[in-house]
PDB file of N, CA and C in Angstrom:
ATOM      1  N   UNK A   1      13.898   3.249  41.617  1.00  0.00           N
ATOM      2  CA  UNK A   1      12.746   4.135  41.571  1.00  0.00           C
ATOM      3  C   UNK A   1      12.878   5.135  40.414  1.00  0.00           C
ATOM      4  N   UNK A   2      14.075   5.684  40.223  1.00  0.00           N
ATOM      5  CA  UNK A   2      14.290   6.633  39.131  1.00  0.00           C
ATOM      6  C   UNK A   2      14.073   5.970  37.784  1.00  0.00           C
ATOM      7  N   UNK A   3      14.498   4.727  37.655  1.00  0.00           N
ATOM      8  CA  UNK A   3      14.354   3.992  36.402  1.00  0.00           C
ATOM      9  C   UNK A   3      12.879   3.796  36.044  1.00  0.00           C
ATOM     10  N   UNK A   4      12.072   3.447  37.028  1.00  0.00           N
ATOM     11  CA  UNK A   4      10.636   3.267  36.799  1.00  0.00           C
ATOM     12  C   UNK A   4      10.000   4.597  36.411  1.00  0.00           C
ATOM     13  N   UNK A   5      10.348   5.659  37.117  1.00  0.00           N
ATOM     14  CA  UNK A   5       9.806   6.984  36.823  1.00  0.00           C
ATOM     15  C   UNK A   5      10.179   7.423  35.406  1.00  0.00           C
ATOM     16  N   UNK A   6      11.432   7.262  35.028  1.00  0.00           N
ATOM     17  CA  UNK A   6      11.884   7.640  33.684  1.00  0.00           C
ATOM     18  C   UNK A   6      11.191   6.802  32.611  1.00  0.00           C
ATOM     19  N   UNK A   7      11.017   5.524  32.874  1.00  0.00           N
ATOM     20  CA  UNK A   7      10.340   4.639  31.927  1.00  0.00           C
ATOM     21  C   UNK A   7       8.887   5.065  31.739  1.00  0.00           C
ATOM     22  N   UNK A   8       8.212   5.393  32.823  1.00  0.00           N
ATOM     23  CA  UNK A   8       6.815   5.846  32.739  1.00  0.00           C
ATOM     24  C   UNK A   8       6.709   7.171  31.984  1.00  0.00           C
ATOM     25  N   UNK A   9       7.613   8.093  32.258  1.00  0.00           N
ATOM     26  CA  UNK A   9       7.614   9.376  31.557  1.00  0.00           C
ATOM     27  C   UNK A   9       7.859   9.165  30.068  1.00  0.00           C
ATOM     28  N   UNK A  10       8.815   8.321  29.733  1.00  0.00           N
ATOM     29  CA  UNK A  10       9.119   8.031  28.335  1.00  0.00           C
ATOM     30  C   UNK A  10       7.926   7.369  27.642  1.00  0.00           C
ATOM     31  N   UNK A  11       7.278   6.452  28.315  1.00  0.00           N
ATOM     32  CA  UNK A  11       6.096   5.794  27.762  1.00  0.00           C
ATOM     33  C   UNK A  11       4.971   6.798  27.541  1.00  0.00           C
ATOM     34  N   UNK A  12       4.733   7.654  28.526  1.00  0.00           N
ATOM     35  CA  UNK A  12       3.694   8.672  28.414  1.00  0.00           C
ATOM     36  C   UNK A  12       3.974   9.625  27.255  1.00  0.00           C
ATOM     37  N   UNK A  13       5.208  10.099  27.136  1.00  0.00           N
ATOM     38  CA  UNK A  13       5.569  11.012  26.047  1.00  0.00           C
ATOM     39  C   UNK A  13       5.452  10.325  24.685  1.00  0.00           C
ATOM     40  N   UNK A  14       5.792   9.053  24.626  1.00  0.00           N
ATOM     41  CA  UNK A  14       5.657   8.303  23.369  1.00  0.00           C
ATOM     42  C   UNK A  14       4.199   8.191  22.950  1.00  0.00           C
ATOM     43  N   UNK A  15       3.320   7.910  23.886  1.00  0.00           N
ATOM     44  CA  UNK A  15       1.888   7.809  23.585  1.00  0.00           C
ATOM     45  C   UNK A  15       1.343   9.162  23.139  1.00  0.00           C
ATOM     46  N   UNK A  16       1.720  10.221  23.828  1.00  0.00           N
ATOM     47  CA  UNK A  16       1.267  11.571  23.450  1.00  0.00           C
ATOM     48  C   UNK A  16       1.773  11.925  22.058  1.00  0.00           C
ATOM     49  N   UNK A  17       3.034  11.642  21.762  1.00  0.00           N
ATOM     50  CA  UNK A  17       3.587  11.919  20.439  1.00  0.00           C
ATOM     51  C   UNK A  17       2.837  11.136  19.366  1.00  0.00           C
ATOM     52  N   UNK A  18       2.566   9.866  19.630  1.00  0.00           N
ATOM     53  CA  UNK A  18       1.845   9.021  18.677  1.00  0.00           C
ATOM     54  C   UNK A  18       0.443   9.563  18.406  1.00  0.00           C
ATOM     55  N   UNK A  19      -0.266   9.990  19.451  1.00  0.00           N
ATOM     56  CA  UNK A  19      -1.615  10.548  19.290  1.00  0.00           C
ATOM     57  C   UNK A  19      -1.565  11.853  18.507  1.00  0.00           C
ATOM     58  N   UNK A  20      -0.611  12.727  18.808  1.00  0.00           N
ATOM     59  CA  UNK A  20      -0.472  13.995  18.085  1.00  0.00           C
ATOM     60  C   UNK A  20      -0.131  13.728  16.626  1.00  0.00           C
ATOM     61  N   UNK A  21       0.778  12.794  16.369  1.00  0.00           N
ATOM     62  CA  UNK A  21       1.166  12.450  14.993  1.00  0.00           C
ATOM     63  C   UNK A  21      -0.037  11.950  14.202  1.00  0.00           C
ATOM     64  N   UNK A  22      -0.813  11.032  14.782  1.00  0.00           N
ATOM     65  CA  UNK A  22      -1.989  10.500  14.085  1.00  0.00           C
ATOM     66  C   UNK A  22      -3.083  11.550  13.913  1.00  0.00           C
ATOM     67  N   UNK A  23      -3.138  12.527  14.811  1.00  0.00           N
ATOM     68  CA  UNK A  23      -4.177  13.559  14.735  1.00  0.00           C
ATOM     69  C   UNK A  23      -3.880  14.611  13.676  1.00  0.00           C
ATOM     70  N   UNK A  24      -2.619  14.948  13.474  1.00  0.00           N
ATOM     71  CA  UNK A  24      -2.280  16.020  12.544  1.00  0.00           C
ATOM     72  C   UNK A  24      -1.692  15.538  11.221  1.00  0.00           C
ATOM     73  N   UNK A  25      -0.895  14.507  11.248  1.00  0.00           N
ATOM     74  CA  UNK A  25      -0.246  14.017  10.027  1.00  0.00           C
ATOM     75  C   UNK A  25      -0.976  12.790   9.496  1.00  0.00           C
ATOM     76  N   UNK A  26      -1.319  11.864  10.362  1.00  0.00           N
ATOM     77  CA  UNK A  26      -2.063  10.677   9.981  1.00  0.00           C
ATOM     78  C   UNK A  26      -1.206   9.647   9.267  1.00  0.00           C
ATOM     79  N   UNK A  27      -1.891   8.624   8.769  1.00  0.00           N
ATOM     80  CA  UNK A  27      -1.224   7.574   8.014  1.00  0.00           C
ATOM     81  C   UNK A  27      -1.963   7.359   6.701  1.00  0.00           C
ATOM     82  N   UNK A  28      -1.264   6.815   5.728  1.00  0.00           N
ATOM     83  CA  UNK A  28      -1.880   6.461   4.456  1.00  0.00           C
ATOM     84  C   UNK A  28      -1.854   4.951   4.325  1.00  0.00           C
ATOM     85  N   UNK A  29      -2.968   4.380   3.880  1.00  0.00           N
ATOM     86  CA  UNK A  29      -3.088   2.934   3.805  1.00  0.00           C
ATOM     87  C   UNK A  29      -3.983   2.526   2.641  1.00  0.00           C
ATOM     88  N   UNK A  30      -3.921   1.265   2.286  1.00  0.00           N
ATOM     89  CA  UNK A  30      -4.810   0.687   1.270  1.00  0.00           C
ATOM     90  C   UNK A  30      -5.689  -0.392   1.895  1.00  0.00           C
ATOM     91  N   UNK A  31      -5.664  -0.530   3.209  1.00  0.00           N
ATOM     92  CA  UNK A  31      -6.371  -1.612   3.892  1.00  0.00           C
ATOM     93  C   UNK A  31      -7.887  -1.528   3.784  1.00  0.00           C
ATOM     94  N   UNK A  32      -8.447  -0.338   3.669  1.00  0.00           N
ATOM     95  CA  UNK A  32      -9.897  -0.192   3.635  1.00  0.00           C
ATOM     96  C   UNK A  32     -10.464  -0.188   2.219  1.00  0.00           C
ATOM     97  N   UNK A  33      -9.619  -0.266   1.217  1.00  0.00           N
ATOM     98  CA  UNK A  33     -10.086  -0.184  -0.165  1.00  0.00           C
ATOM     99  C   UNK A  33     -11.132  -1.246  -0.490  1.00  0.00           C
ATOM    100  N   UNK A  34     -10.880  -2.494  -0.111  1.00  0.00           N
ATOM    101  CA  UNK A  34     -11.831  -3.571  -0.426  1.00  0.00           C
ATOM    102  C   UNK A  34     -13.171  -3.364   0.251  1.00  0.00           C
ATOM    103  N   UNK A  35     -13.160  -2.899   1.493  1.00  0.00           N
ATOM    104  CA  UNK A  35     -14.412  -2.657   2.216  1.00  0.00           C
ATOM    105  C   UNK A  35     -15.236  -1.560   1.542  1.00  0.00           C
ATOM    106  N   UNK A  36     -14.579  -0.497   1.119  1.00  0.00           N
ATOM    107  CA  UNK A  36     -15.281   0.602   0.459  1.00  0.00           C
ATOM    108  C   UNK A  36     -15.863   0.135  -0.861  1.00  0.00           C
ATOM    109  N   UNK A  37     -15.097  -0.627  -1.622  1.00  0.00           N
ATOM    110  CA  UNK A  37     -15.580  -1.144  -2.913  1.00  0.00           C
ATOM    111  C   UNK A  37     -16.787  -2.046  -2.691  1.00  0.00           C
ATOM    112  N   UNK A  38     -16.773  -2.887  -1.661  1.00  0.00           N
ATOM    113  CA  UNK A  38     -17.912  -3.764  -1.361  1.00  0.00           C
ATOM    114  C   UNK A  38     -19.159  -2.957  -1.030  1.00  0.00           C
ATOM    115  N   UNK A  39     -18.994  -1.872  -0.261  1.00  0.00           N
ATOM    116  CA  UNK A  39     -20.144  -1.028   0.103  1.00  0.00           C
ATOM    117  C   UNK A  39     -20.740  -0.363  -1.137  1.00  0.00           C
ATOM    118  N   UNK A  40     -19.884   0.088  -2.046  1.00  0.00           N
ATOM    119  CA  UNK A  40     -20.374   0.702  -3.284  1.00  0.00           C
ATOM    120  C   UNK A  40     -21.098  -0.328  -4.136  1.00  0.00           C
ATOM    121  N   UNK A  41     -20.585  -1.558  -4.194  1.00  0.00           N
ATOM    122  CA  UNK A  41     -21.220  -2.632  -4.969  1.00  0.00           C
ATOM    123  C   UNK A  41     -22.599  -2.965  -4.402  1.00  0.00           C
ATOM    124  N   UNK A  42     -22.785  -2.833  -3.075  1.00  0.00           N
ATOM    125  CA  UNK A  42     -24.092  -3.080  -2.471  1.00  0.00           C
ATOM    126  C   UNK A  42     -25.112  -2.036  -2.918  1.00  0.00           C
ATOM    127  N   UNK A  43     -24.634  -0.816  -3.124  1.00  0.00           N
ATOM    128  CA  UNK A  43     -25.534   0.259  -3.558  1.00  0.00           C
ATOM    129  C   UNK A  43     -25.978   0.015  -4.988  1.00  0.00           C
ATOM    130  N   UNK A  44     -25.030  -0.257  -5.870  1.00  0.00           N
ATOM    131  CA  UNK A  44     -25.344  -0.527  -7.276  1.00  0.00           C
ATOM    132  C   UNK A  44     -24.244  -1.413  -7.839  1.00  0.00           C
ATOM    133  N   UNK A  45     -24.626  -2.553  -8.354  1.00  0.00           N
ATOM    134  CA  UNK A  45     -23.661  -3.523  -8.879  1.00  0.00           C
ATOM    135  C   UNK A  45     -22.940  -3.031 -10.128  1.00  0.00           C
ATOM    136  N   UNK A  46     -23.495  -2.038 -10.815  1.00  0.00           N
ATOM    137  CA  UNK A  46     -22.876  -1.517 -12.037  1.00  0.00           C
ATOM    138  C   UNK A  46     -21.703  -0.581 -11.753  1.00  0.00           C
ATOM    139  N   UNK A  47     -21.588  -0.126 -10.529  1.00  0.00           N
ATOM    140  CA  UNK A  47     -20.512   0.796 -10.182  1.00  0.00           C
ATOM    141  C   UNK A  47     -19.218   0.043  -9.920  1.00  0.00           C
ATOM    142  N   UNK A  48     -18.128   0.590 -10.419  1.00  0.00           N
ATOM    143  CA  UNK A  48     -16.793   0.114 -10.088  1.00  0.00           C
ATOM    144  C   UNK A  48     -16.032   1.307  -9.529  1.00  0.00           C
ATOM    145  N   UNK A  49     -15.317   1.090  -8.471  1.00  0.00           N
ATOM    146  CA  UNK A  49     -14.597   2.165  -7.812  1.00  0.00           C
ATOM    147  C   UNK A  49     -13.105   1.881  -7.876  1.00  0.00           C
ATOM    148  N   UNK A  50     -12.353   2.863  -8.347  1.00  0.00           N
ATOM    149  CA  UNK A  50     -10.897   2.740  -8.400  1.00  0.00           C
ATOM    150  C   UNK A  50     -10.322   3.666  -7.334  1.00  0.00           C
ATOM    151  N   UNK A  51      -9.756   3.058  -6.301  1.00  0.00           N
ATOM    152  CA  UNK A  51      -9.235   3.825  -5.173  1.00  0.00           C
ATOM    153  C   UNK A  51      -7.724   3.784  -5.134  1.00  0.00           C
ATOM    154  N   UNK A  52      -7.161   4.882  -4.710  1.00  0.00           N
ATOM    155  CA  UNK A  52      -5.732   4.925  -4.426  1.00  0.00           C
ATOM    156  C   UNK A  52      -5.607   4.773  -2.918  1.00  0.00           C
ATOM    157  N   UNK A  53      -4.622   5.357  -2.327  1.00  0.00           N
ATOM    158  CA  UNK A  53      -4.450   5.250  -0.884  1.00  0.00           C
ATOM    159  C   UNK A  53      -5.477   6.101  -0.143  1.00  0.00           C
ATOM    160  N   UNK A  54      -5.717   5.715   1.097  1.00  0.00           N
ATOM    161  CA  UNK A  54      -6.646   6.424   1.966  1.00  0.00           C
ATOM    162  C   UNK A  54      -5.843   7.034   3.104  1.00  0.00           C
ATOM    163  N   UNK A  55      -6.096   8.305   3.376  1.00  0.00           N
ATOM    164  CA  UNK A  55      -5.418   8.988   4.485  1.00  0.00           C
ATOM    165  C   UNK A  55      -6.335   8.938   5.703  1.00  0.00           C
ATOM    166  N   UNK A  56      -5.766   8.542   6.831  1.00  0.00           N
ATOM    167  CA  UNK A  56      -6.538   8.391   8.060  1.00  0.00           C
ATOM    168  C   UNK A  56      -5.962   9.292   9.141  1.00  0.00           C
ATOM    169  N   UNK A  57      -6.856  10.078   9.756  1.00  0.00           N
ATOM    170  CA  UNK A  57      -6.487  10.951  10.875  1.00  0.00           C
ATOM    171  C   UNK A  57      -7.288  10.545  12.107  1.00  0.00           C
ATOM    172  N   UNK A  58      -6.682  10.656  13.255  1.00  0.00           N
ATOM    173  CA  UNK A  58      -7.320  10.319  14.523  1.00  0.00           C
ATOM    174  C   UNK A  58      -7.988  11.548  15.113  1.00  0.00           C
ATOM    175  N   UNK A  59      -9.215  11.386  15.595  1.00  0.00           N
ATOM    176  CA  UNK A  59      -9.889  12.418  16.370  1.00  0.00           C
ATOM    177  C   UNK A  59     -10.006  11.874  17.793  1.00  0.00           C
ATOM    178  N   UNK A  60      -9.015  12.162  18.651  1.00  0.00           N
ATOM    179  CA  UNK A  60      -8.986  11.528  19.974  1.00  0.00           C
ATOM    180  C   UNK A  60     -10.107  11.980  20.911  1.00  0.00           C
ATOM    181  N   UNK A  61     -10.694  13.133  20.677  1.00  0.00           N
ATOM    182  CA  UNK A  61     -11.735  13.634  21.563  1.00  0.00           C
ATOM    183  C   UNK A  61     -13.100  13.026  21.270  1.00  0.00           C
ATOM    184  N   UNK A  62     -13.333  12.636  20.021  1.00  0.00           N
ATOM    185  CA  UNK A  62     -14.610  12.011  19.645  1.00  0.00           C
ATOM    186  C   UNK A  62     -14.463  10.503  19.444  1.00  0.00           C
ATOM    187  N   UNK A  63     -13.281   9.973  19.687  1.00  0.00           N
ATOM    188  CA  UNK A  63     -12.986   8.549  19.563  1.00  0.00           C
ATOM    189  C   UNK A  63     -13.400   7.986  18.205  1.00  0.00           C
ATOM    190  N   UNK A  64     -12.886   8.621  17.156  1.00  0.00           N
ATOM    191  CA  UNK A  64     -13.139   8.118  15.810  1.00  0.00           C
ATOM    192  C   UNK A  64     -11.985   8.473  14.886  1.00  0.00           C
ATOM    193  N   UNK A  65     -11.959   7.803  13.760  1.00  0.00           N
ATOM    194  CA  UNK A  65     -10.953   8.038  12.730  1.00  0.00           C
ATOM    195  C   UNK A  65     -11.621   8.720  11.545  1.00  0.00           C
ATOM    196  N   UNK A  66     -11.001   9.748  11.030  1.00  0.00           N
ATOM    197  CA  UNK A  66     -11.467  10.404   9.822  1.00  0.00           C
ATOM    198  C   UNK A  66     -10.649   9.838   8.665  1.00  0.00           C
ATOM    199  N   UNK A  67     -11.332   9.353   7.654  1.00  0.00           N
ATOM    200  CA  UNK A  67     -10.638   8.783   6.504  1.00  0.00           C
ATOM    201  C   UNK A  67     -11.052   9.550   5.255  1.00  0.00           C
ATOM    202  N   UNK A  68     -10.114   9.666   4.325  1.00  0.00           N
ATOM    203  CA  UNK A  68     -10.361  10.447   3.112  1.00  0.00           C
ATOM    204  C   UNK A  68      -9.595   9.810   1.956  1.00  0.00           C
ATOM    205  N   UNK A  69     -10.298   9.603   0.854  1.00  0.00           N
ATOM    206  CA  UNK A  69      -9.642   9.102  -0.347  1.00  0.00           C
ATOM    207  C   UNK A  69      -9.335  10.285  -1.256  1.00  0.00           C
ATOM    208  N   UNK A  70      -8.313  10.162  -2.050  1.00  0.00           N
ATOM    209  CA  UNK A  70      -7.955  11.205  -3.011  1.00  0.00           C
ATOM    210  C   UNK A  70      -7.841  10.588  -4.399  1.00  0.00           C
ATOM    211  N   UNK A  71      -8.278  11.309  -5.420  1.00  0.00           N
ATOM    212  CA  UNK A  71      -8.131  10.848  -6.794  1.00  0.00           C
ATOM    213  C   UNK A  71      -8.917   9.597  -7.106  1.00  0.00           C
ATOM    214  N   UNK A  72     -10.140   9.519  -6.643  1.00  0.00           N
ATOM    215  CA  UNK A  72     -10.979   8.347  -6.846  1.00  0.00           C
ATOM    216  C   UNK A  72     -11.677   8.414  -8.202  1.00  0.00           C
ATOM    217  N   UNK A  73     -11.807   7.268  -8.849  1.00  0.00           N
ATOM    218  CA  UNK A  73     -12.547   7.187 -10.107  1.00  0.00           C
ATOM    219  C   UNK A  73     -13.709   6.234  -9.925  1.00  0.00           C
ATOM    220  N   UNK A  74     -14.895   6.695 -10.308  1.00  0.00           N
ATOM    221  CA  UNK A  74     -16.111   5.905 -10.233  1.00  0.00           C
ATOM    222  C   UNK A  74     -16.526   5.565 -11.652  1.00  0.00           C
ATOM    223  N   UNK A  75     -16.632   4.276 -11.950  1.00  0.00           N
ATOM    224  CA  UNK A  75     -16.998   3.841 -13.301  1.00  0.00           C
ATOM    225  C   UNK A  75     -18.388   3.237 -13.269  1.00  0.00           C
ATOM    226  N   UNK A  76     -19.224   3.686 -14.212  1.00  0.00           N
ATOM    227  CA  UNK A  76     -20.572   3.148 -14.367  1.00  0.00           C
ATOM    228  C   UNK A  76     -20.747   2.814 -15.845  1.00  0.00           C
ATOM    229  N   UNK A  77     -20.676   1.545 -16.131  1.00  0.00           N
ATOM    230  CA  UNK A  77     -20.717   1.027 -17.501  1.00  0.00           C
ATOM    231  C   UNK A  77     -19.609   1.654 -18.325  1.00  0.00           C
ATOM    232  N   UNK A  78     -19.912   2.564 -19.224  1.00  0.00           N
ATOM    233  CA  UNK A  78     -18.863   3.150 -20.068  1.00  0.00           C
ATOM    234  C   UNK A  78     -18.505   4.571 -19.660  1.00  0.00           C
ATOM    235  N   UNK A  79     -19.060   5.048 -18.544  1.00  0.00           N
ATOM    236  CA  UNK A  79     -18.782   6.412 -18.088  1.00  0.00           C
ATOM    237  C   UNK A  79     -17.815   6.372 -16.905  1.00  0.00           C
ATOM    238  N   UNK A  80     -16.900   7.328 -16.884  1.00  0.00           N
ATOM    239  CA  UNK A  80     -15.952   7.459 -15.773  1.00  0.00           C
ATOM    240  C   UNK A  80     -16.167   8.822 -15.117  1.00  0.00           C
ATOM    241  N   UNK A  81     -16.385   8.797 -13.829  1.00  0.00           N
ATOM    242  CA  UNK A  81     -16.557  10.021 -13.055  1.00  0.00           C
ATOM    243  C   UNK A  81     -15.355  10.138 -12.126  1.00  0.00           C
ATOM    244  N   UNK A  82     -14.615  11.218 -12.265  1.00  0.00           N
ATOM    245  CA  UNK A  82     -13.478  11.448 -11.377  1.00  0.00           C
ATOM    246  C   UNK A  82     -13.963  12.241 -10.170  1.00  0.00           C
ATOM    247  N   UNK A  83     -13.760  11.668  -9.003  1.00  0.00           N
ATOM    248  CA  UNK A  83     -14.192  12.277  -7.748  1.00  0.00           C
ATOM    249  C   UNK A  83     -12.963  12.789  -7.018  1.00  0.00           C
ATOM    250  N   UNK A  84     -13.032  14.034  -6.575  1.00  0.00           N
ATOM    251  CA  UNK A  84     -11.878  14.622  -5.894  1.00  0.00           C
ATOM    252  C   UNK A  84     -11.544  13.854  -4.626  1.00  0.00           C
ATOM    253  N   UNK A  85     -12.556  13.611  -3.778  1.00  0.00           N
ATOM    254  CA  UNK A  85     -12.314  12.843  -2.564  1.00  0.00           C
ATOM    255  C   UNK A  85     -13.606  12.265  -2.022  1.00  0.00           C
ATOM    256  N   UNK A  86     -13.465  11.268  -1.201  1.00  0.00           N
ATOM    257  CA  UNK A  86     -14.570  10.675  -0.451  1.00  0.00           C
ATOM    258  C   UNK A  86     -14.144  10.723   1.002  1.00  0.00           C
ATOM    259  N   UNK A  87     -15.000  11.277   1.851  1.00  0.00           N
ATOM    260  CA  UNK A  87     -14.684  11.364   3.272  1.00  0.00           C
ATOM    261  C   UNK A  87     -15.646  10.482   4.058  1.00  0.00           C
ATOM    262  N   UNK A  88     -15.122   9.807   5.060  1.00  0.00           N
ATOM    263  CA  UNK A  88     -15.953   9.024   5.956  1.00  0.00           C
ATOM    264  C   UNK A  88     -15.221   8.898   7.277  1.00  0.00           C
ATOM    265  N   UNK A  89     -15.923   8.413   8.286  1.00  0.00           N
ATOM    266  CA  UNK A  89     -15.289   8.251   9.582  1.00  0.00           C
ATOM    267  C   UNK A  89     -15.613   6.880  10.134  1.00  0.00           C
ATOM    268  N   UNK A  90     -14.718   6.419  10.984  1.00  0.00           N
ATOM    269  CA  UNK A  90     -14.836   5.105  11.600  1.00  0.00           C
ATOM    270  C   UNK A  90     -14.871   5.311  13.106  1.00  0.00           C
ATOM    271  N   UNK A  91     -15.919   4.810  13.754  1.00  0.00           N
ATOM    272  CA  UNK A  91     -16.071   4.976  15.197  1.00  0.00           C
ATOM    273  C   UNK A  91     -15.148   3.993  15.913  1.00  0.00           C
ATOM    274  N   UNK A  92     -14.363   4.511  16.848  1.00  0.00           N
ATOM    275  CA  UNK A  92     -13.482   3.660  17.651  1.00  0.00           C
ATOM    276  C   UNK A  92     -14.221   3.153  18.879  1.00  0.00           C
ATOM    277  N   UNK A  93     -14.915   4.054  19.546  1.00  0.00           N
ATOM    278  CA  UNK A  93     -15.663   3.745  20.743  1.00  0.00           C
ATOM    279  C   UNK A  93     -17.049   3.242  20.341  1.00  0.00           C
ATOM    280  N   UNK A  94     -17.788   2.639  21.221  1.00  0.00           N
ATOM    281  CA  UNK A  94     -19.081   2.033  20.942  1.00  0.00           C
ATOM    282  C   UNK A  94     -20.168   2.962  20.450  1.00  0.00           C
ATOM    283  N   UNK A  95     -20.056   4.262  20.609  1.00  0.00           N
ATOM    284  CA  UNK A  95     -21.098   5.192  20.194  1.00  0.00           C
ATOM    285  C   UNK A  95     -21.090   5.399  18.692  1.00  0.00           C
ATOM    286  N   UNK A  96     -22.272   5.391  18.078  1.00  0.00           N
ATOM    287  CA  UNK A  96     -22.350   5.635  16.636  1.00  0.00           C
ATOM    288  C   UNK A  96     -23.164   6.877  16.314  1.00  0.00           C
ATOM    289  N   UNK A  97     -23.369   7.753  17.322  1.00  0.00           N
ATOM    290  CA  UNK A  97     -24.105   8.993  17.093  1.00  0.00           C
ATOM    291  C   UNK A  97     -23.259   9.944  16.266  1.00  0.00           C
ATOM    292  N   UNK A  98     -23.894  10.608  15.296  1.00  0.00           N
ATOM    293  CA  UNK A  98     -23.193  11.597  14.474  1.00  0.00           C
ATOM    294  C   UNK A  98     -23.194  12.934  15.181  1.00  0.00           C
ATOM    295  N   UNK A  99     -22.061  13.619  15.085  1.00  0.00           N
ATOM    296  CA  UNK A  99     -21.964  14.959  15.688  1.00  0.00           C
ATOM    297  C   UNK A  99     -21.728  15.973  14.612  1.00  0.00           C
TER     298      UNK A  99
END
């Protein structure tokens, strides 16, 4: 019985730590770069987007992920526009209402 209780407590604390870590520190990834570039290409085919890593933070109360790019460059023909950041969010739960 003690072993089961300790295992459950350890599992619960691990999940809480993971949620807190993702909420405040987040992760950096390049997995969404292609999707973002495709969305920009749909808006205007002349645009090229140069992305570095994307930082993702969890918002556990609204069931969504906040994502932010840093040091992005937007190219349109021969012009380069340096953008400080692009922010967007990804809904985890089925609701897509903006708050």
